Amino acid sequence: MNKNTVLGWATFIMVLMGLLLIGLGIFRYSEVSGWGFAAVGVGFLANAWVFNALKGRV
């Protein structure tokens, strides 16, 4: 596996975890803690976007 493959897998895993956390925040925790789960999920998606942008440049 080269660097681009590792970044691709990291991006995929982070998108999956981000969507899972946003889903937990929306469907499982309807109180204030749901906002925290959703915020962390958005952060995961932002990091995945950066990893995807780095593919081919590193």
N, C-alpha and C. Protein backbone atom coordinates (compact mmCIF):
# COMPACT_ATOMS: atom_id res chain seq x y z
N MET A 1 0.84 -1.18 0.00
CA MET A 1 0.00 0.00 0.00
C MET A 1 0.88 1.24 0.00
N ASN A 2 0.58 2.15 -0.90
CA ASN A 2 1.34 3.39 -0.92
C ASN A 2 0.61 4.47 -0.13
N LYS A 3 1.15 5.69 -0.17
CA LYS A 3 0.59 6.79 0.64
C LYS A 3 -0.84 7.14 0.22
N ASN A 4 -1.10 7.13 -1.08
CA ASN A 4 -2.43 7.50 -1.55
C ASN A 4 -3.48 6.47 -1.13
N THR A 5 -3.11 5.21 -1.12
CA THR A 5 -4.04 4.18 -0.68
C THR A 5 -4.36 4.33 0.80
N VAL A 6 -3.35 4.62 1.60
CA VAL A 6 -3.56 4.81 3.04
C VAL A 6 -4.46 6.03 3.28
N LEU A 7 -4.21 7.12 2.55
CA LEU A 7 -5.06 8.30 2.71
C LEU A 7 -6.49 8.03 2.23
N GLY A 8 -6.64 7.22 1.21
CA GLY A 8 -7.97 6.86 0.74
C GLY A 8 -8.74 6.06 1.78
N TRP A 9 -8.09 5.09 2.38
CA TRP A 9 -8.75 4.30 3.43
C TRP A 9 -9.06 5.15 4.65
N ALA A 10 -8.12 6.04 5.03
CA ALA A 10 -8.36 6.92 6.17
C ALA A 10 -9.56 7.83 5.89
N THR A 11 -9.65 8.33 4.66
CA THR A 11 -10.79 9.18 4.29
C THR A 11 -12.09 8.40 4.38
N PHE A 12 -12.10 7.19 3.88
CA PHE A 12 -13.30 6.36 3.91
C PHE A 12 -13.74 6.08 5.34
N ILE A 13 -12.80 5.71 6.20
CA ILE A 13 -13.12 5.39 7.59
C ILE A 13 -13.62 6.63 8.32
N MET A 14 -13.00 7.78 8.05
CA MET A 14 -13.42 9.00 8.74
C MET A 14 -14.79 9.46 8.27
N VAL A 15 -15.11 9.30 7.00
CA VAL A 15 -16.46 9.64 6.51
C VAL A 15 -17.48 8.72 7.17
N LEU A 16 -17.15 7.43 7.25
CA LEU A 16 -18.06 6.48 7.88
C LEU A 16 -18.31 6.83 9.35
N MET A 17 -17.24 7.13 10.08
CA MET A 17 -17.39 7.48 11.49
C MET A 17 -18.13 8.81 11.65
N GLY A 18 -17.86 9.77 10.78
CA GLY A 18 -18.55 11.05 10.85
C GLY A 18 -20.05 10.90 10.66
N LEU A 19 -20.44 10.12 9.66
CA LEU A 19 -21.86 9.90 9.42
C LEU A 19 -22.49 9.12 10.56
N LEU A 20 -21.76 8.17 11.13
CA LEU A 20 -22.26 7.42 12.27
C LEU A 20 -22.49 8.33 13.48
N LEU A 21 -21.55 9.22 13.75
CA LEU A 21 -21.69 10.12 14.88
C LEU A 21 -22.83 11.12 14.66
N ILE A 22 -22.97 11.62 13.44
CA ILE A 22 -24.09 12.52 13.15
C ILE A 22 -25.41 11.78 13.31
N GLY A 23 -25.45 10.54 12.84
CA GLY A 23 -26.66 9.74 13.00
C GLY A 23 -26.99 9.48 14.46
N LEU A 24 -25.97 9.21 15.27
CA LEU A 24 -26.20 9.04 16.71
C LEU A 24 -26.74 10.32 17.33
N GLY A 25 -26.17 11.44 16.92
CA GLY A 25 -26.63 12.71 17.47
C GLY A 25 -28.06 13.02 17.10
N ILE A 26 -28.48 12.61 15.91
CA ILE A 26 -29.84 12.92 15.46
C ILE A 26 -30.85 11.92 16.02
N PHE A 27 -30.55 10.63 15.92
CA PHE A 27 -31.56 9.62 16.23
C PHE A 27 -31.49 9.05 17.64
N ARG A 28 -30.32 8.96 18.22
CA ARG A 28 -30.20 8.30 19.52
C ARG A 28 -30.29 9.28 20.68
N TYR A 29 -29.57 10.39 20.58
CA TYR A 29 -29.51 11.35 21.68
C TYR A 29 -30.22 12.63 21.25
N SER A 30 -31.41 12.82 21.75
CA SER A 30 -32.18 14.00 21.36
C SER A 30 -31.96 15.17 22.32
N GLU A 31 -31.17 14.98 23.38
CA GLU A 31 -30.92 16.06 24.33
C GLU A 31 -29.71 16.87 23.87
N VAL A 32 -29.11 17.58 24.80
CA VAL A 32 -27.98 18.43 24.49
C VAL A 32 -26.78 17.62 24.03
N SER A 33 -26.63 16.40 24.53
CA SER A 33 -25.49 15.57 24.13
C SER A 33 -25.52 15.24 22.64
N GLY A 34 -26.68 15.24 22.05
CA GLY A 34 -26.77 15.00 20.61
C GLY A 34 -26.07 16.07 19.79
N TRP A 35 -26.12 17.31 20.29
CA TRP A 35 -25.40 18.38 19.59
C TRP A 35 -23.90 18.11 19.58
N GLY A 36 -23.38 17.58 20.68
CA GLY A 36 -21.94 17.26 20.75
C GLY A 36 -21.57 16.15 19.79
N PHE A 37 -22.39 15.11 19.73
CA PHE A 37 -22.12 14.02 18.80
C PHE A 37 -22.13 14.53 17.36
N ALA A 38 -23.11 15.36 17.04
CA ALA A 38 -23.22 15.88 15.68
C ALA A 38 -22.04 16.80 15.35
N ALA A 39 -21.60 17.60 16.31
CA ALA A 39 -20.47 18.50 16.08
C ALA A 39 -19.19 17.71 15.83
N VAL A 40 -18.98 16.67 16.61
CA VAL A 40 -17.79 15.83 16.41
C VAL A 40 -17.87 15.12 15.06
N GLY A 41 -19.07 14.70 14.66
CA GLY A 41 -19.24 14.07 13.35
C GLY A 41 -18.91 15.02 12.22
N VAL A 42 -19.32 16.28 12.34
CA VAL A 42 -18.97 17.27 11.32
C VAL A 42 -17.46 17.49 11.29
N GLY A 43 -16.82 17.46 12.45
CA GLY A 43 -15.36 17.57 12.50
C GLY A 43 -14.68 16.41 11.80
N PHE A 44 -15.21 15.20 11.97
CA PHE A 44 -14.66 14.05 11.26
C PHE A 44 -14.79 14.22 9.75
N LEU A 45 -15.94 14.73 9.30
CA LEU A 45 -16.13 14.94 7.87
C LEU A 45 -15.17 16.01 7.34
N ALA A 46 -14.91 17.04 8.13
CA ALA A 46 -13.96 18.07 7.70
C ALA A 46 -12.55 17.51 7.59
N ASN A 47 -12.15 16.67 8.55
CA ASN A 47 -10.82 16.04 8.47
C ASN A 47 -10.74 15.10 7.28
N ALA A 48 -11.81 14.39 6.99
CA ALA A 48 -11.81 13.49 5.84
C ALA A 48 -11.68 14.28 4.54
N TRP A 49 -12.29 15.45 4.49
CA TRP A 49 -12.18 16.32 3.31
C TRP A 49 -10.72 16.75 3.11
N VAL A 50 -10.03 17.08 4.21
CA VAL A 50 -8.62 17.46 4.13
C VAL A 50 -7.78 16.28 3.67
N PHE A 51 -8.03 15.10 4.20
CA PHE A 51 -7.28 13.92 3.78
C PHE A 51 -7.49 13.64 2.30
N ASN A 52 -8.72 13.80 1.83
CA ASN A 52 -9.00 13.58 0.42
C ASN A 52 -8.28 14.60 -0.45
N ALA A 53 -8.19 15.84 0.02
CA ALA A 53 -7.48 16.88 -0.73
C ALA A 53 -5.98 16.61 -0.77
N LEU A 54 -5.45 15.93 0.25
CA LEU A 54 -4.02 15.65 0.29
C LEU A 54 -3.59 14.48 -0.60
N LYS A 55 -4.57 13.69 -1.03
CA LYS A 55 -4.21 12.54 -1.89
C LYS A 55 -3.54 13.04 -3.15
N GLY A 56 -2.39 12.48 -3.48
CA GLY A 56 -1.66 12.86 -4.68
C GLY A 56 -0.70 14.00 -4.47
N ARG A 57 -0.75 14.69 -3.33
CA ARG A 57 0.13 15.80 -3.06
C ARG A 57 1.20 15.47 -2.04
N VAL A 58 1.00 14.43 -1.29
CA VAL A 58 1.95 14.07 -0.23
C VAL A 58 2.99 13.14 -0.79
